[in-house]
Amino acid sequence: MRLLVAVLAMAVAAVLTYLLTVSPYVTDAEVIVTAPDVGMLSFTLVNPSLRTVCLTGVEVVEPAGVKAELHVTEIRDGVVTMKPVDRVCAPPLGTVRLGHMGYHVMLMGPLNGSRYTFLLRLDSTALTVTVGTHRR
């Protein structure tokens, strides 16, 4: 019986350690170019931790000359608008999808590259993501 309790205690400690130290990551990232100088970075931010994780900014590392902003798409009285936002948060043990008709990363500048590298600034860390281009 003592052995079972010890094994269970070690398992609980291992799971808690994992959940308190695991890092967020990105899946399904793509750059969608809708015009020569306008596009969007879409992706899913996965938060496997027990705390809320917020994306607070995005920087285009490569190619040079492209600007990125966090936006949300809103529809009011039949009019679609895009507004800058300060952060996009993923709940504990959850995800948030950045893409069409919701939160997204707006790209502005010469979008003629085939690969893009981004620095995603999170609350306490940063992620580097490299993705290819999808043209529409």
N, C-alpha and C. Protein backbone atom coordinates (compact mmCIF):
# COMPACT_ATOMS: atom_id res chain seq x y z
N MET A 1 0.81 -1.19 0.00
CA MET A 1 0.00 0.00 0.00
C MET A 1 0.86 1.26 0.00
N ARG A 2 1.93 1.23 0.79
CA ARG A 2 2.83 2.40 0.84
C ARG A 2 3.47 2.63 -0.52
N LEU A 3 3.79 1.54 -1.19
CA LEU A 3 4.39 1.66 -2.52
C LEU A 3 3.42 2.32 -3.49
N LEU A 4 2.17 1.96 -3.46
CA LEU A 4 1.15 2.54 -4.33
C LEU A 4 1.00 4.04 -4.05
N VAL A 5 0.95 4.41 -2.79
CA VAL A 5 0.85 5.83 -2.42
C VAL A 5 2.07 6.60 -2.90
N ALA A 6 3.24 6.02 -2.75
CA ALA A 6 4.47 6.67 -3.20
C ALA A 6 4.47 6.85 -4.71
N VAL A 7 4.05 5.83 -5.44
CA VAL A 7 4.00 5.91 -6.91
C VAL A 7 2.99 6.97 -7.34
N LEU A 8 1.82 6.99 -6.72
CA LEU A 8 0.81 8.00 -7.04
C LEU A 8 1.32 9.42 -6.73
N ALA A 9 1.98 9.58 -5.62
CA ALA A 9 2.53 10.89 -5.26
C ALA A 9 3.57 11.34 -6.28
N MET A 10 4.41 10.42 -6.72
CA MET A 10 5.42 10.77 -7.74
C MET A 10 4.75 11.12 -9.06
N ALA A 11 3.71 10.40 -9.42
CA ALA A 11 3.00 10.68 -10.67
C ALA A 11 2.33 12.05 -10.62
N VAL A 12 1.69 12.38 -9.51
CA VAL A 12 1.06 13.69 -9.34
C VAL A 12 2.12 14.79 -9.40
N ALA A 13 3.23 14.59 -8.75
CA ALA A 13 4.31 15.58 -8.77
C ALA A 13 4.84 15.76 -10.19
N ALA A 14 4.98 14.68 -10.93
CA ALA A 14 5.47 14.77 -12.31
C ALA A 14 4.48 15.53 -13.19
N VAL A 15 3.20 15.25 -13.07
CA VAL A 15 2.18 15.94 -13.86
C VAL A 15 2.15 17.42 -13.51
N LEU A 16 2.17 17.76 -12.24
CA LEU A 16 2.16 19.16 -11.82
C LEU A 16 3.41 19.90 -12.30
N THR A 17 4.55 19.25 -12.21
CA THR A 17 5.79 19.87 -12.70
C THR A 17 5.68 20.14 -14.19
N TYR A 18 5.17 19.18 -14.94
CA TYR A 18 4.99 19.37 -16.39
C TYR A 18 4.04 20.55 -16.66
N LEU A 19 2.89 20.57 -16.01
CA LEU A 19 1.90 21.61 -16.27
C LEU A 19 2.38 23.00 -15.86
N LEU A 20 3.26 23.07 -14.88
CA LEU A 20 3.77 24.37 -14.44
C LEU A 20 4.97 24.85 -15.25
N THR A 21 5.61 23.97 -16.00
CA THR A 21 6.81 24.36 -16.74
C THR A 21 6.68 24.24 -18.25
N VAL A 22 5.62 23.64 -18.75
CA VAL A 22 5.46 23.44 -20.19
C VAL A 22 5.27 24.79 -20.88
N SER A 23 5.73 24.88 -22.13
CA SER A 23 5.69 26.14 -22.88
C SER A 23 4.62 26.11 -23.96
N PRO A 24 4.05 27.28 -24.27
CA PRO A 24 3.09 27.35 -25.36
C PRO A 24 3.79 27.10 -26.70
N TYR A 25 3.00 26.70 -27.69
CA TYR A 25 3.55 26.48 -29.03
C TYR A 25 2.49 26.80 -30.08
N VAL A 26 2.93 26.82 -31.34
CA VAL A 26 2.08 27.20 -32.46
C VAL A 26 1.89 26.02 -33.40
N THR A 27 0.65 25.86 -33.93
CA THR A 27 0.38 24.87 -34.96
C THR A 27 -0.35 25.54 -36.11
N ASP A 28 -0.37 24.87 -37.24
CA ASP A 28 -1.16 25.29 -38.42
C ASP A 28 -0.87 26.72 -38.86
N ALA A 29 0.36 27.14 -38.82
CA ALA A 29 0.69 28.52 -39.21
C ALA A 29 0.79 28.65 -40.72
N GLU A 30 0.24 29.74 -41.24
CA GLU A 30 0.37 30.05 -42.65
C GLU A 30 0.24 31.55 -42.88
N VAL A 31 0.91 32.02 -43.92
CA VAL A 31 0.78 33.40 -44.36
C VAL A 31 -0.14 33.39 -45.57
N ILE A 32 -1.20 34.19 -45.51
CA ILE A 32 -2.14 34.30 -46.62
C ILE A 32 -2.02 35.71 -47.19
N VAL A 33 -1.62 35.79 -48.45
CA VAL A 33 -1.46 37.07 -49.12
C VAL A 33 -2.72 37.34 -49.94
N THR A 34 -3.40 38.45 -49.64
CA THR A 34 -4.63 38.80 -50.34
C THR A 34 -4.44 39.91 -51.36
N ALA A 35 -3.36 40.64 -51.25
CA ALA A 35 -3.00 41.70 -52.20
C ALA A 35 -1.48 41.84 -52.12
N PRO A 36 -0.85 42.53 -53.07
CA PRO A 36 0.62 42.61 -53.04
C PRO A 36 1.20 43.17 -51.75
N ASP A 37 0.41 43.98 -51.03
CA ASP A 37 0.95 44.60 -49.82
C ASP A 37 0.06 44.38 -48.58
N VAL A 38 -0.85 43.41 -48.65
CA VAL A 38 -1.73 43.12 -47.51
C VAL A 38 -1.88 41.60 -47.38
N GLY A 39 -1.79 41.14 -46.14
CA GLY A 39 -1.97 39.71 -45.90
C GLY A 39 -2.25 39.45 -44.44
N MET A 40 -2.19 38.16 -44.10
CA MET A 40 -2.53 37.76 -42.75
C MET A 40 -1.67 36.56 -42.36
N LEU A 41 -1.25 36.55 -41.11
CA LEU A 41 -0.64 35.37 -40.50
C LEU A 41 -1.73 34.71 -39.67
N SER A 42 -2.02 33.45 -39.98
CA SER A 42 -2.99 32.71 -39.18
C SER A 42 -2.30 31.52 -38.53
N PHE A 43 -2.74 31.16 -37.33
CA PHE A 43 -2.16 30.03 -36.61
C PHE A 43 -3.01 29.73 -35.38
N THR A 44 -2.72 28.60 -34.76
CA THR A 44 -3.33 28.26 -33.48
C THR A 44 -2.26 28.34 -32.41
N LEU A 45 -2.53 29.11 -31.37
CA LEU A 45 -1.65 29.19 -30.21
C LEU A 45 -2.15 28.18 -29.20
N VAL A 46 -1.31 27.20 -28.89
CA VAL A 46 -1.66 26.13 -27.96
C VAL A 46 -1.02 26.43 -26.61
N ASN A 47 -1.85 26.40 -25.58
CA ASN A 47 -1.38 26.67 -24.23
C ASN A 47 -1.58 25.42 -23.36
N PRO A 48 -0.55 24.59 -23.22
CA PRO A 48 -0.69 23.38 -22.42
C PRO A 48 -0.44 23.59 -20.93
N SER A 49 -0.34 24.84 -20.50
CA SER A 49 0.00 25.12 -19.10
C SER A 49 -1.26 25.43 -18.28
N LEU A 50 -1.06 25.61 -16.98
CA LEU A 50 -2.15 25.91 -16.06
C LEU A 50 -2.42 27.41 -15.91
N ARG A 51 -1.71 28.22 -16.65
CA ARG A 51 -1.90 29.67 -16.56
C ARG A 51 -2.32 30.22 -17.92
N THR A 52 -3.01 31.33 -17.93
CA THR A 52 -3.37 32.00 -19.18
C THR A 52 -2.10 32.52 -19.83
N VAL A 53 -2.00 32.36 -21.14
CA VAL A 53 -0.85 32.87 -21.90
C VAL A 53 -1.38 33.85 -22.94
N CYS A 54 -0.78 35.05 -22.99
CA CYS A 54 -1.24 36.07 -23.92
C CYS A 54 -0.16 36.42 -24.94
N LEU A 55 -0.58 36.49 -26.19
CA LEU A 55 0.25 37.00 -27.28
C LEU A 55 0.15 38.51 -27.22
N THR A 56 1.27 39.19 -27.04
CA THR A 56 1.25 40.65 -26.86
C THR A 56 1.86 41.41 -28.02
N GLY A 57 2.41 40.70 -28.99
CA GLY A 57 2.96 41.37 -30.15
C GLY A 57 3.58 40.40 -31.12
N VAL A 58 3.71 40.85 -32.36
CA VAL A 58 4.32 40.05 -33.42
C VAL A 58 5.25 40.94 -34.21
N GLU A 59 6.43 40.43 -34.46
CA GLU A 59 7.42 41.15 -35.26
C GLU A 59 7.82 40.27 -36.44
N VAL A 60 7.90 40.88 -37.62
CA VAL A 60 8.37 40.15 -38.79
C VAL A 60 9.90 40.24 -38.81
N VAL A 61 10.55 39.11 -38.64
CA VAL A 61 12.01 39.06 -38.63
C VAL A 61 12.53 39.07 -40.07
N GLU A 62 11.86 38.29 -40.92
CA GLU A 62 12.28 38.17 -42.31
C GLU A 62 11.05 37.91 -43.17
N PRO A 63 10.87 38.55 -44.29
CA PRO A 63 11.74 39.53 -44.94
C PRO A 63 11.58 40.92 -44.33
N ALA A 64 12.53 41.74 -44.59
CA ALA A 64 12.52 43.11 -44.06
C ALA A 64 11.42 43.92 -44.74
N GLY A 65 10.96 44.94 -44.04
CA GLY A 65 10.00 45.87 -44.61
C GLY A 65 8.55 45.49 -44.44
N VAL A 66 8.26 44.39 -43.76
CA VAL A 66 6.87 43.97 -43.53
C VAL A 66 6.51 44.27 -42.08
N LYS A 67 5.37 44.89 -41.90
CA LYS A 67 4.88 45.26 -40.57
C LYS A 67 3.77 44.30 -40.16
N ALA A 68 3.71 43.96 -38.87
CA ALA A 68 2.68 43.06 -38.35
C ALA A 68 1.96 43.72 -37.19
N GLU A 69 0.64 43.55 -37.15
CA GLU A 69 -0.18 44.07 -36.06
C GLU A 69 -1.22 43.04 -35.66
N LEU A 70 -1.49 42.95 -34.36
CA LEU A 70 -2.57 42.11 -33.87
C LEU A 70 -3.89 42.84 -34.10
N HIS A 71 -4.86 42.15 -34.72
CA HIS A 71 -6.16 42.75 -35.02
C HIS A 71 -7.27 41.80 -34.63
N VAL A 72 -8.48 42.34 -34.54
CA VAL A 72 -9.69 41.55 -34.43
C VAL A 72 -10.67 42.07 -35.47
N THR A 73 -11.36 41.17 -36.13
CA THR A 73 -12.39 41.52 -37.10
C THR A 73 -13.72 41.58 -36.37
N GLU A 74 -14.45 42.68 -36.58
CA GLU A 74 -15.77 42.85 -35.97
C GLU A 74 -16.77 43.21 -37.05
N ILE A 75 -18.00 42.76 -36.88
CA ILE A 75 -19.09 43.12 -37.79
C ILE A 75 -20.14 43.86 -36.98
N ARG A 76 -20.38 45.12 -37.38
CA ARG A 76 -21.40 45.95 -36.71
C ARG A 76 -22.28 46.58 -37.77
N ASP A 77 -23.56 46.36 -37.64
CA ASP A 77 -24.53 46.91 -38.60
C ASP A 77 -24.16 46.52 -40.04
N GLY A 78 -23.68 45.31 -40.21
CA GLY A 78 -23.35 44.82 -41.55
C GLY A 78 -22.03 45.32 -42.11
N VAL A 79 -21.27 46.06 -41.31
CA VAL A 79 -19.99 46.60 -41.76
C VAL A 79 -18.86 45.85 -41.07
N VAL A 80 -17.93 45.35 -41.88
CA VAL A 80 -16.78 44.61 -41.35
C VAL A 80 -15.65 45.60 -41.09
N THR A 81 -15.13 45.58 -39.87
CA THR A 81 -13.99 46.44 -39.53
C THR A 81 -12.90 45.60 -38.87
N MET A 82 -11.68 46.06 -38.99
CA MET A 82 -10.54 45.44 -38.31
C MET A 82 -9.95 46.46 -37.36
N LYS A 83 -9.82 46.05 -36.09
CA LYS A 83 -9.31 46.95 -35.07
C LYS A 83 -8.07 46.36 -34.44
N PRO A 84 -7.06 47.19 -34.18
CA PRO A 84 -5.88 46.71 -33.46
C PRO A 84 -6.25 46.31 -32.03
N VAL A 85 -5.59 45.28 -31.52
CA VAL A 85 -5.77 44.86 -30.12
C VAL A 85 -4.39 44.74 -29.49
N ASP A 86 -4.35 44.87 -28.16
CA ASP A 86 -3.09 44.80 -27.42
C ASP A 86 -2.62 43.38 -27.16
N ARG A 87 -3.58 42.45 -27.10
CA ARG A 87 -3.22 41.07 -26.74
C ARG A 87 -4.32 40.13 -27.17
N VAL A 88 -3.91 38.88 -27.36
CA VAL A 88 -4.83 37.78 -27.63
C VAL A 88 -4.41 36.66 -26.67
N CYS A 89 -5.35 36.18 -25.86
CA CYS A 89 -5.00 35.23 -24.80
C CYS A 89 -5.57 33.84 -25.05
N ALA A 90 -4.77 32.84 -24.71
CA ALA A 90 -5.19 31.44 -24.72
C ALA A 90 -5.42 31.01 -23.27
N PRO A 91 -6.56 30.40 -22.99
CA PRO A 91 -6.85 30.00 -21.61
C PRO A 91 -5.96 28.85 -21.16
N PRO A 92 -5.92 28.60 -19.87
CA PRO A 92 -5.16 27.44 -19.38
C PRO A 92 -5.65 26.15 -20.03
N LEU A 93 -4.71 25.31 -20.44
CA LEU A 93 -5.01 24.04 -21.09
C LEU A 93 -5.90 24.21 -22.31
N GLY A 94 -5.73 25.35 -23.02
CA GLY A 94 -6.60 25.64 -24.15
C GLY A 94 -5.85 26.16 -25.36
N THR A 95 -6.62 26.62 -26.32
CA THR A 95 -6.06 27.16 -27.56
C THR A 95 -6.82 28.41 -27.94
N VAL A 96 -6.20 29.20 -28.81
CA VAL A 96 -6.89 30.30 -29.48
C VAL A 96 -6.44 30.28 -30.93
N ARG A 97 -7.40 30.39 -31.84
CA ARG A 97 -7.13 30.36 -33.27
C ARG A 97 -7.10 31.79 -33.79
N LEU A 98 -6.02 32.15 -34.44
CA LEU A 98 -5.93 33.44 -35.11
C LEU A 98 -6.08 33.17 -36.59
N GLY A 99 -7.08 33.78 -37.21
CA GLY A 99 -7.35 33.53 -38.62
C GLY A 99 -8.48 34.41 -39.11
N HIS A 100 -9.22 33.91 -40.08
CA HIS A 100 -10.31 34.68 -40.68
C HIS A 100 -11.41 35.01 -39.67
N MET A 101 -11.99 36.18 -39.83
CA MET A 101 -13.17 36.60 -39.08
C MET A 101 -13.02 36.48 -37.57
N GLY A 102 -11.93 36.89 -37.06
CA GLY A 102 -11.68 36.90 -35.62
C GLY A 102 -10.34 37.55 -35.38
N TYR A 103 -9.64 37.06 -34.39
CA TYR A 103 -8.29 37.56 -34.15
C TYR A 103 -7.38 37.10 -35.28
N HIS A 104 -6.46 37.95 -35.66
CA HIS A 104 -5.48 37.61 -36.69
C HIS A 104 -4.30 38.57 -36.61
N VAL A 105 -3.23 38.22 -37.31
CA VAL A 105 -2.07 39.10 -37.43
C VAL A 105 -2.13 39.70 -38.82
N MET A 106 -2.36 41.00 -38.89
CA MET A 106 -2.42 41.71 -40.16
C MET A 106 -1.00 42.00 -40.62
N LEU A 107 -0.70 41.71 -41.88
CA LEU A 107 0.61 41.97 -42.46
C LEU A 107 0.49 43.07 -43.50
N MET A 108 1.40 44.03 -43.43
CA MET A 108 1.40 45.15 -44.36
C MET A 108 2.81 45.40 -44.85
N GLY A 109 2.96 45.57 -46.14
CA GLY A 109 4.27 45.80 -46.74
C GLY A 109 4.44 44.93 -47.96
N PRO A 110 5.62 44.91 -48.52
CA PRO A 110 5.85 44.09 -49.72
C PRO A 110 5.82 42.60 -49.38
N LEU A 111 4.72 41.94 -49.71
CA LEU A 111 4.53 40.53 -49.37
C LEU A 111 4.84 39.65 -50.58
N ASN A 112 6.08 39.71 -51.02
CA ASN A 112 6.48 38.94 -52.20
C ASN A 112 7.41 37.78 -51.84
N GLY A 113 7.59 37.50 -50.58
CA GLY A 113 8.45 36.40 -50.15
C GLY A 113 7.73 35.06 -50.20
N SER A 114 8.50 33.99 -50.22
CA SER A 114 7.89 32.66 -50.19
C SER A 114 7.93 32.07 -48.78
N ARG A 115 8.79 32.62 -47.91
CA ARG A 115 8.88 32.18 -46.51
C ARG A 115 8.99 33.42 -45.63
N TYR A 116 8.39 33.33 -44.47
CA TYR A 116 8.38 34.43 -43.52
C TYR A 116 8.77 33.89 -42.14
N THR A 117 9.54 34.69 -41.40
CA THR A 117 9.91 34.34 -40.04
C THR A 117 9.37 35.42 -39.11
N PHE A 118 8.67 34.97 -38.07
CA PHE A 118 8.03 35.87 -37.12
C PHE A 118 8.55 35.63 -35.71
N LEU A 119 8.59 36.68 -34.93
CA LEU A 119 8.86 36.59 -33.51
C LEU A 119 7.55 36.90 -32.80
N LEU A 120 7.00 35.91 -32.12
CA LEU A 120 5.75 36.09 -31.39
C LEU A 120 6.10 36.38 -29.93
N ARG A 121 5.73 37.56 -29.46
CA ARG A 121 6.00 37.94 -28.08
C ARG A 121 4.83 37.52 -27.20
N LEU A 122 5.15 36.68 -26.22
CA LEU A 122 4.16 36.23 -25.25
C LEU A 122 4.45 36.90 -23.92
N ASP A 123 3.59 36.69 -22.92
CA ASP A 123 3.77 37.32 -21.61
C ASP A 123 5.19 37.23 -21.09
N SER A 124 5.72 36.03 -21.05
CA SER A 124 7.02 35.84 -20.39
C SER A 124 8.04 35.15 -21.28
N THR A 125 7.74 35.02 -22.55
CA THR A 125 8.65 34.33 -23.45
C THR A 125 8.39 34.79 -24.88
N ALA A 126 9.10 34.21 -25.81
CA ALA A 126 8.89 34.51 -27.23
C ALA A 126 9.06 33.22 -28.03
N LEU A 127 8.36 33.16 -29.15
CA LEU A 127 8.46 32.03 -30.05
C LEU A 127 8.89 32.53 -31.42
N THR A 128 9.73 31.78 -32.10
CA THR A 128 10.07 32.08 -33.48
C THR A 128 9.36 31.07 -34.37
N VAL A 129 8.65 31.59 -35.38
CA VAL A 129 7.87 30.74 -36.27
C VAL A 129 8.23 31.09 -37.71
N THR A 130 8.53 30.08 -38.50
CA THR A 130 8.82 30.27 -39.93
C THR A 130 7.75 29.53 -40.72
N VAL A 131 7.12 30.25 -41.67
CA VAL A 131 6.03 29.66 -42.45
C VAL A 131 6.14 30.03 -43.91
N GLY A 132 5.49 29.24 -44.75
CA GLY A 132 5.42 29.51 -46.18
C GLY A 132 4.23 30.40 -46.50
N THR A 133 4.08 30.74 -47.77
CA THR A 133 3.06 31.67 -48.22
C THR A 133 1.98 30.95 -49.02
N HIS A 134 0.75 31.37 -48.79
CA HIS A 134 -0.39 30.91 -49.57
C HIS A 134 -1.00 32.15 -50.22
N ARG A 135 -1.04 32.19 -51.53
CA ARG A 135 -1.57 33.37 -52.23
C ARG A 135 -3.01 33.13 -52.66
N ARG A 136 -3.83 34.18 -52.49
CA ARG A 136 -5.24 34.11 -52.91
C ARG A 136 -5.52 35.07 -54.03
